Amino acid sequence: MLKALSEYRGNDLKSKYYFAYKEDDRDYLKYLFFAYLESFKYFRKNPNVLLLNCTYKINKFKMPFLYAVGINNTRQNFKLTYYFLLGEIEGNYNFVI
């Protein structure tokens, strides 16, 4: 997944995604954040409502998956950001904030 995201990452106008991640001492993934850059532009125009949902153990890594969804002025939702977290403890959510 990191390789695929890296192909679309950059500082030019063709970049589609922004992502950040953190690994532990053994080079295992602790956190992964990614977002479609166009979603940030849309959120700047519609910043009033932001919903967060965390789904547990739905992927093969059994990592909690947290995503943020915004709602525009016509009550349609749009996906904003995605996070994979190491576990379900409070300290892991500090990466998100």
PDB file of N, CA and C in Angstrom:
ATOM      1  N   MET A   1       0.822  -1.181   0.000  1.00  0.00           N
ATOM      2  CA  MET A   1       0.000   0.000   0.000  1.00  0.00           C
ATOM      3  C   MET A   1       0.872   1.253   0.000  1.00  0.00           C
ATOM      4  N   LEU A   2       1.952   1.237   0.790  1.00  0.00           N
ATOM      5  CA  LEU A   2       2.842   2.403   0.818  1.00  0.00           C
ATOM      6  C   LEU A   2       3.464   2.646  -0.544  1.00  0.00           C
ATOM      7  N   LYS A   3       3.803   1.587  -1.239  1.00  0.00           N
ATOM      8  CA  LYS A   3       4.373   1.728  -2.579  1.00  0.00           C
ATOM      9  C   LYS A   3       3.358   2.359  -3.531  1.00  0.00           C
ATOM     10  N   ALA A   4       2.122   1.895  -3.464  1.00  0.00           N
ATOM     11  CA  ALA A   4       1.080   2.450  -4.338  1.00  0.00           C
ATOM     12  C   ALA A   4       0.826   3.919  -4.027  1.00  0.00           C
ATOM     13  N   LEU A   5       0.772   4.284  -2.752  1.00  0.00           N
ATOM     14  CA  LEU A   5       0.568   5.680  -2.383  1.00  0.00           C
ATOM     15  C   LEU A   5       1.746   6.544  -2.807  1.00  0.00           C
ATOM     16  N   SER A   6       2.952   6.001  -2.733  1.00  0.00           N
ATOM     17  CA  SER A   6       4.147   6.753  -3.115  1.00  0.00           C
ATOM     18  C   SER A   6       4.139   7.152  -4.578  1.00  0.00           C
ATOM     19  N   GLU A   7       3.525   6.351  -5.403  1.00  0.00           N
ATOM     20  CA  GLU A   7       3.462   6.665  -6.835  1.00  0.00           C
ATOM     21  C   GLU A   7       2.633   7.908  -7.120  1.00  0.00           C
ATOM     22  N   TYR A   8       1.700   8.233  -6.247  1.00  0.00           N
ATOM     23  CA  TYR A   8       0.821   9.378  -6.448  1.00  0.00           C
ATOM     24  C   TYR A   8       1.146  10.539  -5.527  1.00  0.00           C
ATOM     25  N   ARG A   9       2.270  10.478  -4.864  1.00  0.00           N
ATOM     26  CA  ARG A   9       2.658  11.505  -3.908  1.00  0.00           C
ATOM     27  C   ARG A   9       3.659  12.456  -4.544  1.00  0.00           C
ATOM     28  N   GLY A  10       3.585  13.707  -4.160  1.00  0.00           N
ATOM     29  CA  GLY A  10       4.549  14.675  -4.662  1.00  0.00           C
ATOM     30  C   GLY A  10       4.117  16.084  -4.338  1.00  0.00           C
ATOM     31  N   ASN A  11       4.897  17.034  -4.780  1.00  0.00           N
ATOM     32  CA  ASN A  11       4.605  18.441  -4.529  1.00  0.00           C
ATOM     33  C   ASN A  11       4.102  19.162  -5.775  1.00  0.00           C
ATOM     34  N   ASP A  12       3.773  18.425  -6.796  1.00  0.00           N
ATOM     35  CA  ASP A  12       3.310  19.066  -8.016  1.00  0.00           C
ATOM     36  C   ASP A  12       1.794  18.982  -8.135  1.00  0.00           C
ATOM     37  N   LEU A  13       1.258  19.573  -9.175  1.00  0.00           N
ATOM     38  CA  LEU A  13      -0.199  19.599  -9.361  1.00  0.00           C
ATOM     39  C   LEU A  13      -0.779  18.244  -9.716  1.00  0.00           C
ATOM     40  N   LYS A  14       0.037  17.300 -10.142  1.00  0.00           N
ATOM     41  CA  LYS A  14      -0.455  15.971 -10.511  1.00  0.00           C
ATOM     42  C   LYS A  14      -0.605  15.046  -9.314  1.00  0.00           C
ATOM     43  N   SER A  15      -0.125  15.462  -8.167  1.00  0.00           N
ATOM     44  CA  SER A  15      -0.230  14.629  -6.968  1.00  0.00           C
ATOM     45  C   SER A  15      -1.688  14.428  -6.596  1.00  0.00           C
ATOM     46  N   LYS A  16      -2.021  13.208  -6.219  1.00  0.00           N
ATOM     47  CA  LYS A  16      -3.402  12.892  -5.869  1.00  0.00           C
ATOM     48  C   LYS A  16      -3.590  12.636  -4.378  1.00  0.00           C
ATOM     49  N   TYR A  17      -2.569  12.131  -3.715  1.00  0.00           N
ATOM     50  CA  TYR A  17      -2.716  11.719  -2.329  1.00  0.00           C
ATOM     51  C   TYR A  17      -1.637  12.336  -1.450  1.00  0.00           C
ATOM     52  N   TYR A  18      -2.006  12.530  -0.201  1.00  0.00           N
ATOM     53  CA  TYR A  18      -1.027  12.854   0.828  1.00  0.00           C
ATOM     54  C   TYR A  18      -1.070  11.703   1.814  1.00  0.00           C
ATOM     55  N   PHE A  19       0.080  11.251   2.278  1.00  0.00           N
ATOM     56  CA  PHE A  19       0.076  10.221   3.300  1.00  0.00           C
ATOM     57  C   PHE A  19       1.256  10.409   4.236  1.00  0.00           C
ATOM     58  N   ALA A  20       1.082   9.890   5.439  1.00  0.00           N
ATOM     59  CA  ALA A  20       2.130   9.903   6.450  1.00  0.00           C
ATOM     60  C   ALA A  20       2.016   8.595   7.213  1.00  0.00           C
ATOM     61  N   TYR A  21       3.145   8.123   7.695  1.00  0.00           N
ATOM     62  CA  TYR A  21       3.122   6.880   8.457  1.00  0.00           C
ATOM     63  C   TYR A  21       4.243   6.888   9.487  1.00  0.00           C
ATOM     64  N   LYS A  22       4.135   5.972  10.428  1.00  0.00           N
ATOM     65  CA  LYS A  22       5.145   5.828  11.462  1.00  0.00           C
ATOM     66  C   LYS A  22       5.368   4.343  11.690  1.00  0.00           C
ATOM     67  N   GLU A  23       6.635   3.980  11.846  1.00  0.00           N
ATOM     68  CA  GLU A  23       6.992   2.584  12.100  1.00  0.00           C
ATOM     69  C   GLU A  23       7.590   2.465  13.494  1.00  0.00           C
ATOM     70  N   ASP A  24       7.534   1.254  14.039  1.00  0.00           N
ATOM     71  CA  ASP A  24       8.155   1.023  15.345  1.00  0.00           C
ATOM     72  C   ASP A  24       9.623   0.622  15.167  1.00  0.00           C
ATOM     73  N   ASP A  25      10.259   0.191  16.235  1.00  0.00           N
ATOM     74  CA  ASP A  25      11.678  -0.169  16.199  1.00  0.00           C
ATOM     75  C   ASP A  25      11.980  -1.355  15.290  1.00  0.00           C
ATOM     76  N   ARG A  26      10.987  -2.199  15.059  1.00  0.00           N
ATOM     77  CA  ARG A  26      11.168  -3.385  14.212  1.00  0.00           C
ATOM     78  C   ARG A  26      10.717  -3.143  12.778  1.00  0.00           C
ATOM     79  N   ASP A  27      10.445  -1.886  12.426  1.00  0.00           N
ATOM     80  CA  ASP A  27       9.978  -1.492  11.086  1.00  0.00           C
ATOM     81  C   ASP A  27       8.582  -2.011  10.757  1.00  0.00           C
ATOM     82  N   TYR A  28       7.784  -2.250  11.805  1.00  0.00           N
ATOM     83  CA  TYR A  28       6.375  -2.588  11.596  1.00  0.00           C
ATOM     84  C   TYR A  28       5.568  -1.302  11.577  1.00  0.00           C
ATOM     85  N   LEU A  29       4.559  -1.283  10.764  1.00  0.00           N
ATOM     86  CA  LEU A  29       3.707  -0.108  10.644  1.00  0.00           C
ATOM     87  C   LEU A  29       2.906   0.109  11.922  1.00  0.00           C
ATOM     88  N   LYS A  30       3.004   1.307  12.489  1.00  0.00           N
ATOM     89  CA  LYS A  30       2.222   1.661  13.674  1.00  0.00           C
ATOM     90  C   LYS A  30       0.998   2.478  13.289  1.00  0.00           C
ATOM     91  N   TYR A  31       1.194   3.432  12.387  1.00  0.00           N
ATOM     92  CA  TYR A  31       0.119   4.330  11.967  1.00  0.00           C
ATOM     93  C   TYR A  31       0.262   4.597  10.484  1.00  0.00           C
ATOM     94  N   LEU A  32      -0.863   4.759   9.826  1.00  0.00           N
ATOM     95  CA  LEU A  32      -0.864   5.179   8.434  1.00  0.00           C
ATOM     96  C   LEU A  32      -2.017   6.141   8.238  1.00  0.00           C
ATOM     97  N   PHE A  33      -1.727   7.295   7.692  1.00  0.00           N
ATOM     98  CA  PHE A  33      -2.730   8.303   7.376  1.00  0.00           C
ATOM     99  C   PHE A  33      -2.651   8.564   5.880  1.00  0.00           C
ATOM    100  N   PHE A  34      -3.791   8.618   5.205  1.00  0.00           N
ATOM    101  CA  PHE A  34      -3.782   9.035   3.815  1.00  0.00           C
ATOM    102  C   PHE A  34      -5.085   9.739   3.477  1.00  0.00           C
ATOM    103  N   ALA A  35      -4.976  10.623   2.485  1.00  0.00           N
ATOM    104  CA  ALA A  35      -6.130  11.419   2.073  1.00  0.00           C
ATOM    105  C   ALA A  35      -5.974  11.816   0.614  1.00  0.00           C
ATOM    106  N   TYR A  36      -7.069  11.919  -0.052  1.00  0.00           N
ATOM    107  CA  TYR A  36      -7.136  12.409  -1.417  1.00  0.00           C
ATOM    108  C   TYR A  36      -7.091  13.933  -1.343  1.00  0.00           C
ATOM    109  N   LEU A  37      -6.146  14.569  -2.020  1.00  0.00           N
ATOM    110  CA  LEU A  37      -5.938  16.008  -1.887  1.00  0.00           C
ATOM    111  C   LEU A  37      -7.149  16.841  -2.308  1.00  0.00           C
ATOM    112  N   GLU A  38      -7.896  16.371  -3.276  1.00  0.00           N
ATOM    113  CA  GLU A  38      -9.101  17.096  -3.694  1.00  0.00           C
ATOM    114  C   GLU A  38     -10.119  17.176  -2.561  1.00  0.00           C
ATOM    115  N   SER A  39     -10.124  16.191  -1.676  1.00  0.00           N
ATOM    116  CA  SER A  39     -11.052  16.200  -0.544  1.00  0.00           C
ATOM    117  C   SER A  39     -10.761  17.353   0.409  1.00  0.00           C
ATOM    118  N   PHE A  40      -9.486  17.690   0.587  1.00  0.00           N
ATOM    119  CA  PHE A  40      -9.140  18.821   1.440  1.00  0.00           C
ATOM    120  C   PHE A  40      -9.681  20.125   0.869  1.00  0.00           C
ATOM    121  N   LYS A  41      -9.597  20.284  -0.440  1.00  0.00           N
ATOM    122  CA  LYS A  41     -10.137  21.490  -1.082  1.00  0.00           C
ATOM    123  C   LYS A  41     -11.644  21.570  -0.853  1.00  0.00           C
ATOM    124  N   TYR A  42     -12.296  20.439  -0.981  1.00  0.00           N
ATOM    125  CA  TYR A  42     -13.748  20.400  -0.787  1.00  0.00           C
ATOM    126  C   TYR A  42     -14.115  20.679   0.666  1.00  0.00           C
ATOM    127  N   PHE A  43     -13.311  20.160   1.598  1.00  0.00           N
ATOM    128  CA  PHE A  43     -13.579  20.378   3.016  1.00  0.00           C
ATOM    129  C   PHE A  43     -13.420  21.853   3.395  1.00  0.00           C
ATOM    130  N   ARG A  44     -12.492  22.553   2.780  1.00  0.00           N
ATOM    131  CA  ARG A  44     -12.324  23.985   3.053  1.00  0.00           C
ATOM    132  C   ARG A  44     -13.577  24.766   2.691  1.00  0.00           C
ATOM    133  N   LYS A  45     -14.306  24.295   1.709  1.00  0.00           N
ATOM    134  CA  LYS A  45     -15.555  24.958   1.307  1.00  0.00           C
ATOM    135  C   LYS A  45     -16.739  24.511   2.163  1.00  0.00           C
ATOM    136  N   ASN A  46     -16.612  23.361   2.821  1.00  0.00           N
ATOM    137  CA  ASN A  46     -17.702  22.776   3.611  1.00  0.00           C
ATOM    138  C   ASN A  46     -17.174  22.281   4.958  1.00  0.00           C
ATOM    139  N   PRO A  47     -16.719  23.174   5.844  1.00  0.00           N
ATOM    140  CA  PRO A  47     -16.068  22.733   7.083  1.00  0.00           C
ATOM    141  C   PRO A  47     -16.984  22.546   8.287  1.00  0.00           C
ATOM    142  N   ASN A  48     -18.279  22.656   8.123  1.00  0.00           N
ATOM    143  CA  ASN A  48     -19.176  22.700   9.274  1.00  0.00           C
ATOM    144  C   ASN A  48     -19.394  21.377   9.981  1.00  0.00           C
ATOM    145  N   VAL A  49     -19.396  20.264   9.250  1.00  0.00           N
ATOM    146  CA  VAL A  49     -19.665  18.965   9.863  1.00  0.00           C
ATOM    147  C   VAL A  49     -18.565  17.990   9.480  1.00  0.00           C
ATOM    148  N   LEU A  50     -18.018  17.336  10.489  1.00  0.00           N
ATOM    149  CA  LEU A  50     -17.010  16.307  10.276  1.00  0.00           C
ATOM    150  C   LEU A  50     -17.363  15.118  11.168  1.00  0.00           C
ATOM    151  N   LEU A  51     -17.524  13.964  10.570  1.00  0.00           N
ATOM    152  CA  LEU A  51     -17.869  12.749  11.302  1.00  0.00           C
ATOM    153  C   LEU A  51     -16.683  11.799  11.292  1.00  0.00           C
ATOM    154  N   LEU A  52     -16.426  11.161  12.427  1.00  0.00           N
ATOM    155  CA  LEU A  52     -15.365  10.166  12.531  1.00  0.00           C
ATOM    156  C   LEU A  52     -15.983   8.818  12.856  1.00  0.00           C
ATOM    157  N   ASN A  53     -15.496   7.780  12.203  1.00  0.00           N
ATOM    158  CA  ASN A  53     -15.980   6.437  12.456  1.00  0.00           C
ATOM    159  C   ASN A  53     -14.782   5.507  12.536  1.00  0.00           C
ATOM    160  N   CYS A  54     -14.746   4.685  13.538  1.00  0.00           N
ATOM    161  CA  CYS A  54     -13.658   3.729  13.682  1.00  0.00           C
ATOM    162  C   CYS A  54     -14.231   2.321  13.626  1.00  0.00           C
ATOM    163  N   THR A  55     -13.714   1.534  12.705  1.00  0.00           N
ATOM    164  CA  THR A  55     -14.129   0.159  12.531  1.00  0.00           C
ATOM    165  C   THR A  55     -12.962  -0.726  12.939  1.00  0.00           C
ATOM    166  N   TYR A  56     -13.226  -1.725  13.735  1.00  0.00           N
ATOM    167  CA  TYR A  56     -12.165  -2.544  14.294  1.00  0.00           C
ATOM    168  C   TYR A  56     -12.006  -3.857  13.551  1.00  0.00           C
ATOM    169  N   LYS A  57     -10.771  -4.213  13.299  1.00  0.00           N
ATOM    170  CA  LYS A  57     -10.378  -5.539  12.811  1.00  0.00           C
ATOM    171  C   LYS A  57     -11.117  -5.961  11.545  1.00  0.00           C
ATOM    172  N   ILE A  58     -11.219  -5.044  10.575  1.00  0.00           N
ATOM    173  CA  ILE A  58     -11.879  -5.402   9.320  1.00  0.00           C
ATOM    174  C   ILE A  58     -10.874  -5.734   8.228  1.00  0.00           C
ATOM    175  N   ASN A  59      -9.581  -5.585   8.524  1.00  0.00           N
ATOM    176  CA  ASN A  59      -8.571  -5.835   7.518  1.00  0.00           C
ATOM    177  C   ASN A  59      -7.683  -6.991   7.962  1.00  0.00           C
ATOM    178  N   LYS A  60      -6.852  -7.462   7.069  1.00  0.00           N
ATOM    179  CA  LYS A  60      -6.034  -8.638   7.401  1.00  0.00           C
ATOM    180  C   LYS A  60      -4.978  -8.352   8.459  1.00  0.00           C
ATOM    181  N   PHE A  61      -4.688  -7.084   8.720  1.00  0.00           N
ATOM    182  CA  PHE A  61      -3.714  -6.730   9.743  1.00  0.00           C
ATOM    183  C   PHE A  61      -4.355  -6.560  11.119  1.00  0.00           C
ATOM    184  N   LYS A  62      -5.667  -6.626  11.162  1.00  0.00           N
ATOM    185  CA  LYS A  62      -6.429  -6.467  12.404  1.00  0.00           C
ATOM    186  C   LYS A  62      -6.109  -5.143  13.111  1.00  0.00           C
ATOM    187  N   MET A  63      -5.932  -4.114  12.306  1.00  0.00           N
ATOM    188  CA  MET A  63      -5.678  -2.769  12.822  1.00  0.00           C
ATOM    189  C   MET A  63      -6.980  -1.977  12.765  1.00  0.00           C
ATOM    190  N   PRO A  64      -7.271  -1.177  13.775  1.00  0.00           N
ATOM    191  CA  PRO A  64      -8.445  -0.318  13.694  1.00  0.00           C
ATOM    192  C   PRO A  64      -8.323   0.633  12.500  1.00  0.00           C
ATOM    193  N   PHE A  65      -9.430   0.842  11.826  1.00  0.00           N
ATOM    194  CA  PHE A  65      -9.482   1.700  10.651  1.00  0.00           C
ATOM    195  C   PHE A  65     -10.413   2.863  10.969  1.00  0.00           C
ATOM    196  N   LEU A  66      -9.866   4.064  11.008  1.00  0.00           N
ATOM    197  CA  LEU A  66     -10.625   5.268  11.330  1.00  0.00           C
ATOM    198  C   LEU A  66     -10.724   6.124  10.082  1.00  0.00           C
ATOM    199  N   TYR A  67     -11.904   6.596   9.785  1.00  0.00           N
ATOM    200  CA  TYR A  67     -12.032   7.494   8.640  1.00  0.00           C
ATOM    201  C   TYR A  67     -12.900   8.682   9.000  1.00  0.00           C
ATOM    202  N   ALA A  68     -12.634   9.766   8.302  1.00  0.00           N
ATOM    203  CA  ALA A  68     -13.367  11.013   8.517  1.00  0.00           C
ATOM    204  C   ALA A  68     -14.187  11.325   7.278  1.00  0.00           C
ATOM    205  N   VAL A  69     -15.418  11.746   7.510  1.00  0.00           N
ATOM    206  CA  VAL A  69     -16.346  12.080   6.440  1.00  0.00           C
ATOM    207  C   VAL A  69     -16.900  13.464   6.714  1.00  0.00           C
ATOM    208  N   GLY A  70     -16.946  14.287   5.689  1.00  0.00           N
ATOM    209  CA  GLY A  70     -17.566  15.604   5.806  1.00  0.00           C
ATOM    210  C   GLY A  70     -18.944  15.590   5.173  1.00  0.00           C
ATOM    211  N   ILE A  71     -19.714  16.597   5.493  1.00  0.00           N
ATOM    212  CA  ILE A  71     -21.050  16.742   4.901  1.00  0.00           C
ATOM    213  C   ILE A  71     -21.150  18.141   4.322  1.00  0.00           C
ATOM    214  N   ASN A  72     -21.614  18.232   3.078  1.00  0.00           N
ATOM    215  CA  ASN A  72     -21.695  19.544   2.439  1.00  0.00           C
ATOM    216  C   ASN A  72     -23.046  20.206   2.715  1.00  0.00           C
ATOM    217  N   ASN A  73     -23.258  21.368   2.122  1.00  0.00           N
ATOM    218  CA  ASN A  73     -24.473  22.139   2.404  1.00  0.00           C
ATOM    219  C   ASN A  73     -25.736  21.530   1.798  1.00  0.00           C
ATOM    220  N   THR A  74     -25.609  20.541   0.931  1.00  0.00           N
ATOM    221  CA  THR A  74     -26.784  19.849   0.399  1.00  0.00           C
ATOM    222  C   THR A  74     -26.974  18.477   1.062  1.00  0.00           C
ATOM    223  N   ARG A  75     -26.287  18.288   2.203  1.00  0.00           N
ATOM    224  CA  ARG A  75     -26.375  17.077   3.022  1.00  0.00           C
ATOM    225  C   ARG A  75     -25.828  15.825   2.337  1.00  0.00           C
ATOM    226  N   GLN A  76     -24.906  16.002   1.428  1.00  0.00           N
ATOM    227  CA  GLN A  76     -24.219  14.863   0.826  1.00  0.00           C
ATOM    228  C   GLN A  76     -22.890  14.690   1.537  1.00  0.00           C
ATOM    229  N   ASN A  77     -22.486  13.446   1.731  1.00  0.00           N
ATOM    230  CA  ASN A  77     -21.219  13.229   2.413  1.00  0.00           C
ATOM    231  C   ASN A  77     -20.089  13.057   1.411  1.00  0.00           C
ATOM    232  N   PHE A  78     -18.880  13.323   1.892  1.00  0.00           N
ATOM    233  CA  PHE A  78     -17.681  13.120   1.088  1.00  0.00           C
ATOM    234  C   PHE A  78     -16.584  12.582   1.993  1.00  0.00           C
ATOM    235  N   LYS A  79     -15.805  11.667   1.465  1.00  0.00           N
ATOM    236  CA  LYS A  79     -14.725  11.058   2.234  1.00  0.00           C
ATOM    237  C   LYS A  79     -13.576  12.044   2.351  1.00  0.00           C
ATOM    238  N   LEU A  80     -12.997  12.138   3.546  1.00  0.00           N
ATOM    239  CA  LEU A  80     -11.934  13.110   3.762  1.00  0.00           C
ATOM    240  C   LEU A  80     -10.589  12.444   4.041  1.00  0.00           C
ATOM    241  N   THR A  81     -10.484  11.677   5.116  1.00  0.00           N
ATOM    242  CA  THR A  81      -9.208  11.073   5.474  1.00  0.00           C
ATOM    243  C   THR A  81      -9.397   9.638   5.955  1.00  0.00           C
ATOM    244  N   TYR A  82      -8.289   8.895   5.951  1.00  0.00           N
ATOM    245  CA  TYR A  82      -8.284   7.498   6.371  1.00  0.00           C
ATOM    246  C   TYR A  82      -7.077   7.262   7.265  1.00  0.00           C
ATOM    247  N   TYR A  83      -7.254   6.449   8.291  1.00  0.00           N
ATOM    248  CA  TYR A  83      -6.174   6.129   9.218  1.00  0.00           C
ATOM    249  C   TYR A  83      -6.201   4.642   9.551  1.00  0.00           C
ATOM    250  N   PHE A  84      -5.047   4.017   9.586  1.00  0.00           N
ATOM    251  CA  PHE A  84      -4.877   2.711  10.189  1.00  0.00           C
ATOM    252  C   PHE A  84      -4.099   2.948  11.471  1.00  0.00           C
ATOM    253  N   LEU A  85      -4.574   2.390  12.582  1.00  0.00           N
ATOM    254  CA  LEU A  85      -3.955   2.595  13.889  1.00  0.00           C
ATOM    255  C   LEU A  85      -3.469   1.266  14.451  1.00  0.00           C
ATOM    256  N   LEU A  86      -2.486   1.338  15.331  1.00  0.00           N
ATOM    257  CA  LEU A  86      -1.891   0.136  15.902  1.00  0.00           C
ATOM    258  C   LEU A  86      -2.858  -0.617  16.810  1.00  0.00           C
ATOM    259  N   GLY A  87      -3.605   0.094  17.620  1.00  0.00           N
ATOM    260  CA  GLY A  87      -4.511  -0.563  18.551  1.00  0.00           C
ATOM    261  C   GLY A  87      -5.620   0.366  18.989  1.00  0.00           C
ATOM    262  N   GLU A  88      -6.384  -0.111  19.952  1.00  0.00           N
ATOM    263  CA  GLU A  88      -7.577   0.604  20.388  1.00  0.00           C
ATOM    264  C   GLU A  88      -7.362   1.412  21.660  1.00  0.00           C
ATOM    265  N   ILE A  89      -6.129   1.757  21.981  1.00  0.00           N
ATOM    266  CA  ILE A  89      -5.893   2.534  23.206  1.00  0.00           C
ATOM    267  C   ILE A  89      -5.852   4.027  22.875  1.00  0.00           C
ATOM    268  N   GLU A  90      -6.120   4.840  23.884  1.00  0.00           N
ATOM    269  CA  GLU A  90      -6.256   6.273  23.695  1.00  0.00           C
ATOM    270  C   GLU A  90      -5.014   6.917  23.071  1.00  0.00           C
ATOM    271  N   GLY A  91      -3.838   6.486  23.493  1.00  0.00           N
ATOM    272  CA  GLY A  91      -2.610   7.081  22.981  1.00  0.00           C
ATOM    273  C   GLY A  91      -2.442   6.966  21.481  1.00  0.00           C
ATOM    274  N   ASN A  92      -2.998   5.913  20.888  1.00  0.00           N
ATOM    275  CA  ASN A  92      -2.894   5.737  19.438  1.00  0.00           C
ATOM    276  C   ASN A  92      -3.694   6.770  18.664  1.00  0.00           C
ATOM    277  N   TYR A  93      -4.705   7.326  19.292  1.00  0.00           N
ATOM    278  CA  TYR A  93      -5.522   8.318  18.595  1.00  0.00           C
ATOM    279  C   TYR A  93      -4.859   9.693  18.590  1.00  0.00           C
ATOM    280  N   ASN A  94      -3.804   9.887  19.362  1.00  0.00           N
ATOM    281  CA  ASN A  94      -3.078  11.158  19.341  1.00  0.00           C
ATOM    282  C   ASN A  94      -2.449  11.409  17.970  1.00  0.00           C
ATOM    283  N   PHE A  95      -2.106  10.360  17.259  1.00  0.00           N
ATOM    284  CA  PHE A  95      -1.566  10.500  15.902  1.00  0.00           C
ATOM    285  C   PHE A  95      -2.596  11.162  14.988  1.00  0.00           C
ATOM    286  N   VAL A  96      -3.843  10.834  15.201  1.00  0.00           N
ATOM    287  CA  VAL A  96      -4.914  11.378  14.378  1.00  0.00           C
ATOM    288  C   VAL A  96      -5.117  12.862  14.647  1.00  0.00           C
ATOM    289  N   ILE A  97      -5.069  13.224  15.914  1.00  0.00           N
ATOM    290  CA  ILE A  97      -5.319  14.597  16.299  1.00  0.00           C
ATOM    291  C   ILE A  97      -4.125  15.446  15.934  1.00  0.00           C
TER     292      ILE A  97
END
